[in-house]
Amino acid sequence: MTNIADFTHEVHSVVASIPRGRVLTYGQVAWLTGYPNHSRLVGRVLHGATKELNLPCHRVVNSQGRTAPCWPEQAALLKAEGVTFKRNGCVDLKKHQIKS
């Protein structure tokens, strides 16, 4: 990895490009930045993102479509954009995931 600042900038750029009503997984964001084995670091970067950045972090979910356990508002934000959830509480990735 070049450096954490460059990686952080790339993560922010990818997340900023996710359209309303669509989601990416942490792994997809990592892959799109060129670091496919750094999905956990993507989560860490997004957790540290400030509100001033105005990033749609709520549009990033885990590989099963689960939302962040410590962020109950995430599901409400996604639902407000028309994202649907399966009975198990996971985002319906077949409908809403961007294919990378």
PDB file of N, CA and C in Angstrom:
ATOM      1  N   MET A   1       0.851  -1.177   0.000  1.00  0.00           N
ATOM      2  CA  MET A   1       0.000   0.000   0.000  1.00  0.00           C
ATOM      3  C   MET A   1       0.890   1.231   0.000  1.00  0.00           C
ATOM      4  N   THR A   2       0.503   2.214  -0.793  1.00  0.00           N
ATOM      5  CA  THR A   2       1.309   3.432  -0.880  1.00  0.00           C
ATOM      6  C   THR A   2       1.350   4.150   0.469  1.00  0.00           C
ATOM      7  N   ASN A   3       0.240   4.683   0.898  1.00  0.00           N
ATOM      8  CA  ASN A   3       0.126   5.224   2.253  1.00  0.00           C
ATOM      9  C   ASN A   3      -1.341   5.346   2.624  1.00  0.00           C
ATOM     10  N   ILE A   4      -1.586   5.483   3.904  1.00  0.00           N
ATOM     11  CA  ILE A   4      -2.970   5.476   4.398  1.00  0.00           C
ATOM     12  C   ILE A   4      -3.757   6.692   3.910  1.00  0.00           C
ATOM     13  N   ALA A   5      -3.091   7.823   3.728  1.00  0.00           N
ATOM     14  CA  ALA A   5      -3.800   9.017   3.243  1.00  0.00           C
ATOM     15  C   ALA A   5      -4.321   8.809   1.826  1.00  0.00           C
ATOM     16  N   ASP A   6      -3.502   8.203   0.959  1.00  0.00           N
ATOM     17  CA  ASP A   6      -3.946   7.927  -0.409  1.00  0.00           C
ATOM     18  C   ASP A   6      -5.073   6.901  -0.421  1.00  0.00           C
ATOM     19  N   PHE A   7      -4.943   5.865   0.390  1.00  0.00           N
ATOM     20  CA  PHE A   7      -5.985   4.849   0.486  1.00  0.00           C
ATOM     21  C   PHE A   7      -7.291   5.469   0.972  1.00  0.00           C
ATOM     22  N   THR A   8      -7.202   6.307   1.996  1.00  0.00           N
ATOM     23  CA  THR A   8      -8.386   6.982   2.543  1.00  0.00           C
ATOM     24  C   THR A   8      -9.052   7.827   1.472  1.00  0.00           C
ATOM     25  N   HIS A   9      -8.271   8.566   0.711  1.00  0.00           N
ATOM     26  CA  HIS A   9      -8.823   9.398  -0.362  1.00  0.00           C
ATOM     27  C   HIS A   9      -9.536   8.528  -1.405  1.00  0.00           C
ATOM     28  N   GLU A  10      -8.934   7.398  -1.774  1.00  0.00           N
ATOM     29  CA  GLU A  10      -9.548   6.490  -2.747  1.00  0.00           C
ATOM     30  C   GLU A  10     -10.865   5.922  -2.218  1.00  0.00           C
ATOM     31  N   VAL A  11     -10.874   5.507  -0.956  1.00  0.00           N
ATOM     32  CA  VAL A  11     -12.096   4.977  -0.345  1.00  0.00           C
ATOM     33  C   VAL A  11     -13.192   6.050  -0.381  1.00  0.00           C
ATOM     34  N   HIS A  12     -12.853   7.256   0.013  1.00  0.00           N
ATOM     35  CA  HIS A  12     -13.836   8.348   0.009  1.00  0.00           C
ATOM     36  C   HIS A  12     -14.375   8.591  -1.397  1.00  0.00           C
ATOM     37  N   SER A  13     -13.500   8.544  -2.404  1.00  0.00           N
ATOM     38  CA  SER A  13     -13.928   8.761  -3.785  1.00  0.00           C
ATOM     39  C   SER A  13     -14.896   7.684  -4.251  1.00  0.00           C
ATOM     40  N   VAL A  14     -14.580   6.434  -3.957  1.00  0.00           N
ATOM     41  CA  VAL A  14     -15.454   5.330  -4.361  1.00  0.00           C
ATOM     42  C   VAL A  14     -16.811   5.446  -3.669  1.00  0.00           C
ATOM     43  N   VAL A  15     -16.798   5.681  -2.370  1.00  0.00           N
ATOM     44  CA  VAL A  15     -18.052   5.758  -1.618  1.00  0.00           C
ATOM     45  C   VAL A  15     -18.889   6.954  -2.083  1.00  0.00           C
ATOM     46  N   ALA A  16     -18.245   8.064  -2.385  1.00  0.00           N
ATOM     47  CA  ALA A  16     -18.973   9.250  -2.857  1.00  0.00           C
ATOM     48  C   ALA A  16     -19.693   8.985  -4.176  1.00  0.00           C
ATOM     49  N   SER A  17     -19.220   8.007  -4.944  1.00  0.00           N
ATOM     50  CA  SER A  17     -19.811   7.726  -6.253  1.00  0.00           C
ATOM     51  C   SER A  17     -20.977   6.734  -6.213  1.00  0.00           C
ATOM     52  N   ILE A  18     -21.301   6.179  -5.050  1.00  0.00           N
ATOM     53  CA  ILE A  18     -22.390   5.201  -4.959  1.00  0.00           C
ATOM     54  C   ILE A  18     -23.721   5.948  -5.081  1.00  0.00           C
ATOM     55  N   PRO A  19     -24.534   5.610  -6.088  1.00  0.00           N
ATOM     56  CA  PRO A  19     -25.807   6.323  -6.267  1.00  0.00           C
ATOM     57  C   PRO A  19     -26.865   5.935  -5.233  1.00  0.00           C
ATOM     58  N   ARG A  20     -27.845   6.808  -5.087  1.00  0.00           N
ATOM     59  CA  ARG A  20     -28.993   6.553  -4.201  1.00  0.00           C
ATOM     60  C   ARG A  20     -29.638   5.216  -4.555  1.00  0.00           C
ATOM     61  N   GLY A  21     -30.022   4.481  -3.528  1.00  0.00           N
ATOM     62  CA  GLY A  21     -30.731   3.229  -3.744  1.00  0.00           C
ATOM     63  C   GLY A  21     -29.849   2.058  -4.122  1.00  0.00           C
ATOM     64  N   ARG A  22     -28.541   2.253  -4.112  1.00  0.00           N
ATOM     65  CA  ARG A  22     -27.604   1.189  -4.464  1.00  0.00           C
ATOM     66  C   ARG A  22     -26.603   1.016  -3.325  1.00  0.00           C
ATOM     67  N   VAL A  23     -25.963  -0.142  -3.270  1.00  0.00           N
ATOM     68  CA  VAL A  23     -24.966  -0.404  -2.235  1.00  0.00           C
ATOM     69  C   VAL A  23     -23.743  -1.087  -2.835  1.00  0.00           C
ATOM     70  N   LEU A  24     -22.636  -0.965  -2.124  1.00  0.00           N
ATOM     71  CA  LEU A  24     -21.420  -1.729  -2.383  1.00  0.00           C
ATOM     72  C   LEU A  24     -21.051  -2.418  -1.081  1.00  0.00           C
ATOM     73  N   THR A  25     -20.283  -3.482  -1.184  1.00  0.00           N
ATOM     74  CA  THR A  25     -19.769  -4.130   0.024  1.00  0.00           C
ATOM     75  C   THR A  25     -18.399  -3.538   0.343  1.00  0.00           C
ATOM     76  N   TYR A  26     -17.958  -3.763   1.580  1.00  0.00           N
ATOM     77  CA  TYR A  26     -16.618  -3.313   1.971  1.00  0.00           C
ATOM     78  C   TYR A  26     -15.572  -3.922   1.044  1.00  0.00           C
ATOM     79  N   GLY A  27     -15.755  -5.188   0.697  1.00  0.00           N
ATOM     80  CA  GLY A  27     -14.826  -5.872  -0.192  1.00  0.00           C
ATOM     81  C   GLY A  27     -14.787  -5.259  -1.582  1.00  0.00           C
ATOM     82  N   GLN A  28     -15.935  -4.862  -2.091  1.00  0.00           N
ATOM     83  CA  GLN A  28     -15.973  -4.210  -3.401  1.00  0.00           C
ATOM     84  C   GLN A  28     -15.244  -2.873  -3.366  1.00  0.00           C
ATOM     85  N   VAL A  29     -15.468  -2.109  -2.296  1.00  0.00           N
ATOM     86  CA  VAL A  29     -14.779  -0.824  -2.170  1.00  0.00           C
ATOM     87  C   VAL A  29     -13.274  -1.065  -2.135  1.00  0.00           C
ATOM     88  N   ALA A  30     -12.833  -2.053  -1.373  1.00  0.00           N
ATOM     89  CA  ALA A  30     -11.407  -2.371  -1.297  1.00  0.00           C
ATOM     90  C   ALA A  30     -10.877  -2.757  -2.679  1.00  0.00           C
ATOM     91  N   TRP A  31     -11.608  -3.584  -3.395  1.00  0.00           N
ATOM     92  CA  TRP A  31     -11.200  -4.020  -4.728  1.00  0.00           C
ATOM     93  C   TRP A  31     -11.106  -2.831  -5.681  1.00  0.00           C
ATOM     94  N   LEU A  32     -12.095  -1.938  -5.621  1.00  0.00           N
ATOM     95  CA  LEU A  32     -12.106  -0.778  -6.507  1.00  0.00           C
ATOM     96  C   LEU A  32     -10.973   0.200  -6.213  1.00  0.00           C
ATOM     97  N   THR A  33     -10.459   0.185  -4.997  1.00  0.00           N
ATOM     98  CA  THR A  33      -9.321   1.048  -4.669  1.00  0.00           C
ATOM     99  C   THR A  33      -7.997   0.409  -5.082  1.00  0.00           C
ATOM    100  N   GLY A  34      -8.043  -0.859  -5.478  1.00  0.00           N
ATOM    101  CA  GLY A  34      -6.829  -1.558  -5.867  1.00  0.00           C
ATOM    102  C   GLY A  34      -6.203  -2.376  -4.757  1.00  0.00           C
ATOM    103  N   TYR A  35      -6.911  -2.484  -3.637  1.00  0.00           N
ATOM    104  CA  TYR A  35      -6.411  -3.244  -2.491  1.00  0.00           C
ATOM    105  C   TYR A  35      -7.471  -4.245  -2.046  1.00  0.00           C
ATOM    106  N   PRO A  36      -7.654  -5.313  -2.816  1.00  0.00           N
ATOM    107  CA  PRO A  36      -8.757  -6.249  -2.571  1.00  0.00           C
ATOM    108  C   PRO A  36      -8.724  -6.961  -1.226  1.00  0.00           C
ATOM    109  N   ASN A  37      -7.599  -6.986  -0.561  1.00  0.00           N
ATOM    110  CA  ASN A  37      -7.510  -7.668   0.731  1.00  0.00           C
ATOM    111  C   ASN A  37      -7.640  -6.723   1.919  1.00  0.00           C
ATOM    112  N   HIS A  38      -8.136  -5.525   1.681  1.00  0.00           N
ATOM    113  CA  HIS A  38      -8.191  -4.533   2.746  1.00  0.00           C
ATOM    114  C   HIS A  38      -9.622  -4.092   3.087  1.00  0.00           C
ATOM    115  N   SER A  39     -10.571  -5.011   3.025  1.00  0.00           N
ATOM    116  CA  SER A  39     -11.967  -4.638   3.303  1.00  0.00           C
ATOM    117  C   SER A  39     -12.163  -4.163   4.743  1.00  0.00           C
ATOM    118  N   ARG A  40     -11.443  -4.754   5.685  1.00  0.00           N
ATOM    119  CA  ARG A  40     -11.578  -4.290   7.079  1.00  0.00           C
ATOM    120  C   ARG A  40     -11.052  -2.877   7.242  1.00  0.00           C
ATOM    121  N   LEU A  41     -10.003  -2.548   6.510  1.00  0.00           N
ATOM    122  CA  LEU A  41      -9.469  -1.191   6.573  1.00  0.00           C
ATOM    123  C   LEU A  41     -10.459  -0.201   5.971  1.00  0.00           C
ATOM    124  N   VAL A  42     -11.204  -0.621   4.953  1.00  0.00           N
ATOM    125  CA  VAL A  42     -12.261   0.222   4.395  1.00  0.00           C
ATOM    126  C   VAL A  42     -13.258   0.569   5.502  1.00  0.00           C
ATOM    127  N   GLY A  43     -13.665  -0.428   6.276  1.00  0.00           N
ATOM    128  CA  GLY A  43     -14.589  -0.184   7.380  1.00  0.00           C
ATOM    129  C   GLY A  43     -14.027   0.782   8.392  1.00  0.00           C
ATOM    130  N   ARG A  44     -12.764   0.649   8.681  1.00  0.00           N
ATOM    131  CA  ARG A  44     -12.116   1.539   9.643  1.00  0.00           C
ATOM    132  C   ARG A  44     -12.067   2.975   9.114  1.00  0.00           C
ATOM    133  N   VAL A  45     -11.747   3.116   7.821  1.00  0.00           N
ATOM    134  CA  VAL A  45     -11.708   4.442   7.202  1.00  0.00           C
ATOM    135  C   VAL A  45     -13.089   5.090   7.254  1.00  0.00           C
ATOM    136  N   LEU A  46     -14.117   4.327   6.916  1.00  0.00           N
ATOM    137  CA  LEU A  46     -15.474   4.885   6.911  1.00  0.00           C
ATOM    138  C   LEU A  46     -15.945   5.215   8.317  1.00  0.00           C
ATOM    139  N   HIS A  47     -15.557   4.401   9.282  1.00  0.00           N
ATOM    140  CA  HIS A  47     -15.933   4.680  10.670  1.00  0.00           C
ATOM    141  C   HIS A  47     -15.346   6.017  11.125  1.00  0.00           C
ATOM    142  N   GLY A  48     -14.192   6.360  10.610  1.00  0.00           N
ATOM    143  CA  GLY A  48     -13.539   7.607  11.001  1.00  0.00           C
ATOM    144  C   GLY A  48     -13.901   8.806  10.143  1.00  0.00           C
ATOM    145  N   ALA A  49     -14.758   8.613   9.143  1.00  0.00           N
ATOM    146  CA  ALA A  49     -15.140   9.718   8.263  1.00  0.00           C
ATOM    147  C   ALA A  49     -15.992  10.736   9.018  1.00  0.00           C
ATOM    148  N   THR A  50     -15.699  11.996   8.810  1.00  0.00           N
ATOM    149  CA  THR A  50     -16.446  13.055   9.489  1.00  0.00           C
ATOM    150  C   THR A  50     -17.714  13.408   8.712  1.00  0.00           C
ATOM    151  N   LYS A  51     -18.686  13.962   9.400  1.00  0.00           N
ATOM    152  CA  LYS A  51     -19.942  14.361   8.755  1.00  0.00           C
ATOM    153  C   LYS A  51     -19.709  15.436   7.704  1.00  0.00           C
ATOM    154  N   GLU A  52     -18.686  16.250   7.903  1.00  0.00           N
ATOM    155  CA  GLU A  52     -18.388  17.334   6.963  1.00  0.00           C
ATOM    156  C   GLU A  52     -18.061  16.811   5.561  1.00  0.00           C
ATOM    157  N   LEU A  53     -17.584  15.581   5.479  1.00  0.00           N
ATOM    158  CA  LEU A  53     -17.277  14.988   4.175  1.00  0.00           C
ATOM    159  C   LEU A  53     -18.545  14.667   3.389  1.00  0.00           C
ATOM    160  N   ASN A  54     -19.665  14.537   4.093  1.00  0.00           N
ATOM    161  CA  ASN A  54     -20.966  14.270   3.472  1.00  0.00           C
ATOM    162  C   ASN A  54     -20.928  13.028   2.575  1.00  0.00           C
ATOM    163  N   LEU A  55     -20.270  11.989   3.061  1.00  0.00           N
ATOM    164  CA  LEU A  55     -20.174  10.731   2.315  1.00  0.00           C
ATOM    165  C   LEU A  55     -21.384   9.843   2.597  1.00  0.00           C
ATOM    166  N   PRO A  56     -21.886   9.134   1.600  1.00  0.00           N
ATOM    167  CA  PRO A  56     -22.998   8.207   1.819  1.00  0.00           C
ATOM    168  C   PRO A  56     -22.497   6.861   2.362  1.00  0.00           C
ATOM    169  N   CYS A  57     -21.850   6.901   3.515  1.00  0.00           N
ATOM    170  CA  CYS A  57     -21.281   5.686   4.121  1.00  0.00           C
ATOM    171  C   CYS A  57     -22.342   4.622   4.376  1.00  0.00           C
ATOM    172  N   HIS A  58     -23.590   5.051   4.531  1.00  0.00           N
ATOM    173  CA  HIS A  58     -24.664   4.089   4.794  1.00  0.00           C
ATOM    174  C   HIS A  58     -24.889   3.151   3.612  1.00  0.00           C
ATOM    175  N   ARG A  59     -24.331   3.471   2.466  1.00  0.00           N
ATOM    176  CA  ARG A  59     -24.500   2.632   1.274  1.00  0.00           C
ATOM    177  C   ARG A  59     -23.452   1.523   1.166  1.00  0.00           C
ATOM    178  N   VAL A  60     -22.672   1.339   2.223  1.00  0.00           N
ATOM    179  CA  VAL A  60     -21.673   0.269   2.242  1.00  0.00           C
ATOM    180  C   VAL A  60     -22.086  -0.749   3.304  1.00  0.00           C
ATOM    181  N   VAL A  61     -22.188  -2.006   2.892  1.00  0.00           N
ATOM    182  CA  VAL A  61     -22.627  -3.090   3.777  1.00  0.00           C
ATOM    183  C   VAL A  61     -21.628  -4.241   3.694  1.00  0.00           C
ATOM    184  N   ASN A  62     -21.790  -5.239   4.544  1.00  0.00           N
ATOM    185  CA  ASN A  62     -20.860  -6.374   4.464  1.00  0.00           C
ATOM    186  C   ASN A  62     -21.266  -7.312   3.326  1.00  0.00           C
ATOM    187  N   SER A  63     -20.493  -8.348   3.125  1.00  0.00           N
ATOM    188  CA  SER A  63     -20.692  -9.227   1.966  1.00  0.00           C
ATOM    189  C   SER A  63     -22.015  -9.986   1.979  1.00  0.00           C
ATOM    190  N   GLN A  64     -22.658 -10.097   3.137  1.00  0.00           N
ATOM    191  CA  GLN A  64     -23.977 -10.731   3.216  1.00  0.00           C
ATOM    192  C   GLN A  64     -25.114  -9.705   3.135  1.00  0.00           C
ATOM    193  N   GLY A  65     -24.766  -8.423   3.099  1.00  0.00           N
ATOM    194  CA  GLY A  65     -25.784  -7.375   3.061  1.00  0.00           C
ATOM    195  C   GLY A  65     -26.155  -6.864   4.435  1.00  0.00           C
ATOM    196  N   ARG A  66     -25.399  -7.245   5.453  1.00  0.00           N
ATOM    197  CA  ARG A  66     -25.693  -6.776   6.807  1.00  0.00           C
ATOM    198  C   ARG A  66     -25.211  -5.350   6.984  1.00  0.00           C
ATOM    199  N   THR A  67     -25.971  -4.606   7.753  1.00  0.00           N
ATOM    200  CA  THR A  67     -25.584  -3.239   8.082  1.00  0.00           C
ATOM    201  C   THR A  67     -24.663  -3.260   9.299  1.00  0.00           C
ATOM    202  N   ALA A  68     -24.062  -2.122   9.588  1.00  0.00           N
ATOM    203  CA  ALA A  68     -23.127  -2.025  10.713  1.00  0.00           C
ATOM    204  C   ALA A  68     -23.875  -2.219  12.030  1.00  0.00           C
ATOM    205  N   PRO A  69     -23.406  -3.103  12.899  1.00  0.00           N
ATOM    206  CA  PRO A  69     -24.125  -3.407  14.142  1.00  0.00           C
ATOM    207  C   PRO A  69     -24.211  -2.227  15.116  1.00  0.00           C
ATOM    208  N   CYS A  70     -23.258  -1.323  15.046  1.00  0.00           N
ATOM    209  CA  CYS A  70     -23.269  -0.196  15.988  1.00  0.00           C
ATOM    210  C   CYS A  70     -23.874   1.064  15.376  1.00  0.00           C
ATOM    211  N   TRP A  71     -24.610   0.911  14.274  1.00  0.00           N
ATOM    212  CA  TRP A  71     -25.192   2.061  13.586  1.00  0.00           C
ATOM    213  C   TRP A  71     -26.635   1.748  13.178  1.00  0.00           C
ATOM    214  N   PRO A  72     -27.558   1.818  14.131  1.00  0.00           N
ATOM    215  CA  PRO A  72     -28.946   1.437  13.842  1.00  0.00           C
ATOM    216  C   PRO A  72     -29.629   2.327  12.795  1.00  0.00           C
ATOM    217  N   GLU A  73     -29.162   3.538  12.612  1.00  0.00           N
ATOM    218  CA  GLU A  73     -29.775   4.455  11.637  1.00  0.00           C
ATOM    219  C   GLU A  73     -29.471   4.066  10.189  1.00  0.00           C
ATOM    220  N   GLN A  74     -28.463   3.234   9.981  1.00  0.00           N
ATOM    221  CA  GLN A  74     -28.065   2.868   8.624  1.00  0.00           C
ATOM    222  C   GLN A  74     -29.219   2.251   7.837  1.00  0.00           C
ATOM    223  N   ALA A  75     -29.929   1.327   8.443  1.00  0.00           N
ATOM    224  CA  ALA A  75     -31.049   0.668   7.744  1.00  0.00           C
ATOM    225  C   ALA A  75     -32.133   1.672   7.383  1.00  0.00           C
ATOM    226  N   ALA A  76     -32.429   2.599   8.275  1.00  0.00           N
ATOM    227  CA  ALA A  76     -33.452   3.612   7.994  1.00  0.00           C
ATOM    228  C   ALA A  76     -33.026   4.505   6.829  1.00  0.00           C
ATOM    229  N   LEU A  77     -31.755   4.871   6.782  1.00  0.00           N
ATOM    230  CA  LEU A  77     -31.255   5.699   5.680  1.00  0.00           C
ATOM    231  C   LEU A  77     -31.379   4.959   4.355  1.00  0.00           C
ATOM    232  N   LEU A  78     -31.052   3.677   4.356  1.00  0.00           N
ATOM    233  CA  LEU A  78     -31.165   2.884   3.138  1.00  0.00           C
ATOM    234  C   LEU A  78     -32.625   2.722   2.720  1.00  0.00           C
ATOM    235  N   LYS A  79     -33.493   2.432   3.679  1.00  0.00           N
ATOM    236  CA  LYS A  79     -34.920   2.272   3.367  1.00  0.00           C
ATOM    237  C   LYS A  79     -35.494   3.560   2.788  1.00  0.00           C
ATOM    238  N   ALA A  80     -35.039   4.706   3.282  1.00  0.00           N
ATOM    239  CA  ALA A  80     -35.522   5.994   2.772  1.00  0.00           C
ATOM    240  C   ALA A  80     -35.128   6.201   1.308  1.00  0.00           C
ATOM    241  N   GLU A  81     -34.107   5.489   0.853  1.00  0.00           N
ATOM    242  CA  GLU A  81     -33.669   5.563  -0.540  1.00  0.00           C
ATOM    243  C   GLU A  81     -34.283   4.465  -1.401  1.00  0.00           C
ATOM    244  N   GLY A  82     -35.169   3.665  -0.813  1.00  0.00           N
ATOM    245  CA  GLY A  82     -35.838   2.616  -1.556  1.00  0.00           C
ATOM    246  C   GLY A  82     -35.139   1.269  -1.537  1.00  0.00           C
ATOM    247  N   VAL A  83     -34.090   1.123  -0.738  1.00  0.00           N
ATOM    248  CA  VAL A  83     -33.390  -0.151  -0.626  1.00  0.00           C
ATOM    249  C   VAL A  83     -34.273  -1.108   0.166  1.00  0.00           C
ATOM    250  N   THR A  84     -34.418  -2.314  -0.340  1.00  0.00           N
ATOM    251  CA  THR A  84     -35.249  -3.313   0.327  1.00  0.00           C
ATOM    252  C   THR A  84     -34.377  -4.320   1.076  1.00  0.00           C
ATOM    253  N   PHE A  85     -34.977  -4.906   2.088  1.00  0.00           N
ATOM    254  CA  PHE A  85     -34.284  -5.861   2.941  1.00  0.00           C
ATOM    255  C   PHE A  85     -34.990  -7.201   2.876  1.00  0.00           C
ATOM    256  N   LYS A  86     -34.216  -8.261   3.020  1.00  0.00           N
ATOM    257  CA  LYS A  86     -34.795  -9.602   3.081  1.00  0.00           C
ATOM    258  C   LYS A  86     -35.316  -9.851   4.493  1.00  0.00           C
ATOM    259  N   ARG A  87     -36.014 -10.947   4.676  1.00  0.00           N
ATOM    260  CA  ARG A  87     -36.586 -11.265   5.994  1.00  0.00           C
ATOM    261  C   ARG A  87     -35.545 -11.378   7.091  1.00  0.00           C
ATOM    262  N   ASN A  88     -34.333 -11.768   6.733  1.00  0.00           N
ATOM    263  CA  ASN A  88     -33.280 -11.923   7.742  1.00  0.00           C
ATOM    264  C   ASN A  88     -32.633 -10.592   8.131  1.00  0.00           C
ATOM    265  N   GLY A  89     -33.117  -9.486   7.572  1.00  0.00           N
ATOM    266  CA  GLY A  89     -32.601  -8.166   7.928  1.00  0.00           C
ATOM    267  C   GLY A  89     -31.461  -7.679   7.066  1.00  0.00           C
ATOM    268  N   CYS A  90     -31.054  -8.475   6.083  1.00  0.00           N
ATOM    269  CA  CYS A  90     -29.957  -8.090   5.197  1.00  0.00           C
ATOM    270  C   CYS A  90     -30.498  -7.359   3.963  1.00  0.00           C
ATOM    271  N   VAL A  91     -29.688  -6.455   3.441  1.00  0.00           N
ATOM    272  CA  VAL A  91     -30.036  -5.772   2.200  1.00  0.00           C
ATOM    273  C   VAL A  91     -30.189  -6.825   1.103  1.00  0.00           C
ATOM    274  N   ASP A  92     -31.175  -6.638   0.240  1.00  0.00           N
ATOM    275  CA  ASP A  92     -31.354  -7.528  -0.904  1.00  0.00           C
ATOM    276  C   ASP A  92     -30.288  -7.157  -1.941  1.00  0.00           C
ATOM    277  N   LEU A  93     -29.149  -7.832  -1.862  1.00  0.00           N
ATOM    278  CA  LEU A  93     -28.018  -7.497  -2.727  1.00  0.00           C
ATOM    279  C   LEU A  93     -28.321  -7.778  -4.194  1.00  0.00           C
ATOM    280  N   LYS A  94     -29.154  -8.757  -4.481  1.00  0.00           N
ATOM    281  CA  LYS A  94     -29.480  -9.041  -5.889  1.00  0.00           C
ATOM    282  C   LYS A  94     -30.156  -7.840  -6.547  1.00  0.00           C
ATOM    283  N   LYS A  95     -30.902  -7.083  -5.779  1.00  0.00           N
ATOM    284  CA  LYS A  95     -31.603  -5.911  -6.306  1.00  0.00           C
ATOM    285  C   LYS A  95     -30.776  -4.637  -6.261  1.00  0.00           C
ATOM    286  N   HIS A  96     -29.985  -4.468  -5.213  1.00  0.00           N
ATOM    287  CA  HIS A  96     -29.396  -3.149  -4.949  1.00  0.00           C
ATOM    288  C   HIS A  96     -27.891  -3.055  -5.028  1.00  0.00           C
ATOM    289  N   GLN A  97     -27.193  -4.188  -5.130  1.00  0.00           N
ATOM    290  CA  GLN A  97     -25.733  -4.142  -5.182  1.00  0.00           C
ATOM    291  C   GLN A  97     -25.253  -3.745  -6.570  1.00  0.00           C
ATOM    292  N   ILE A  98     -24.288  -2.844  -6.616  1.00  0.00           N
ATOM    293  CA  ILE A  98     -23.650  -2.477  -7.865  1.00  0.00           C
ATOM    294  C   ILE A  98     -22.679  -3.604  -8.208  1.00  0.00           C
ATOM    295  N   LYS A  99     -22.748  -4.097  -9.407  1.00  0.00           N
ATOM    296  CA  LYS A  99     -21.831  -5.169  -9.823  1.00  0.00           C
ATOM    297  C   LYS A  99     -20.526  -4.514 -10.256  1.00  0.00           C
ATOM    298  N   SER A 100     -19.452  -4.893  -9.574  1.00  0.00           N
ATOM    299  CA  SER A 100     -18.156  -4.286  -9.912  1.00  0.00           C
ATOM    300  C   SER A 100     -17.328  -5.194 -10.781  1.00  0.00           C
TER     301      SER A 100
END
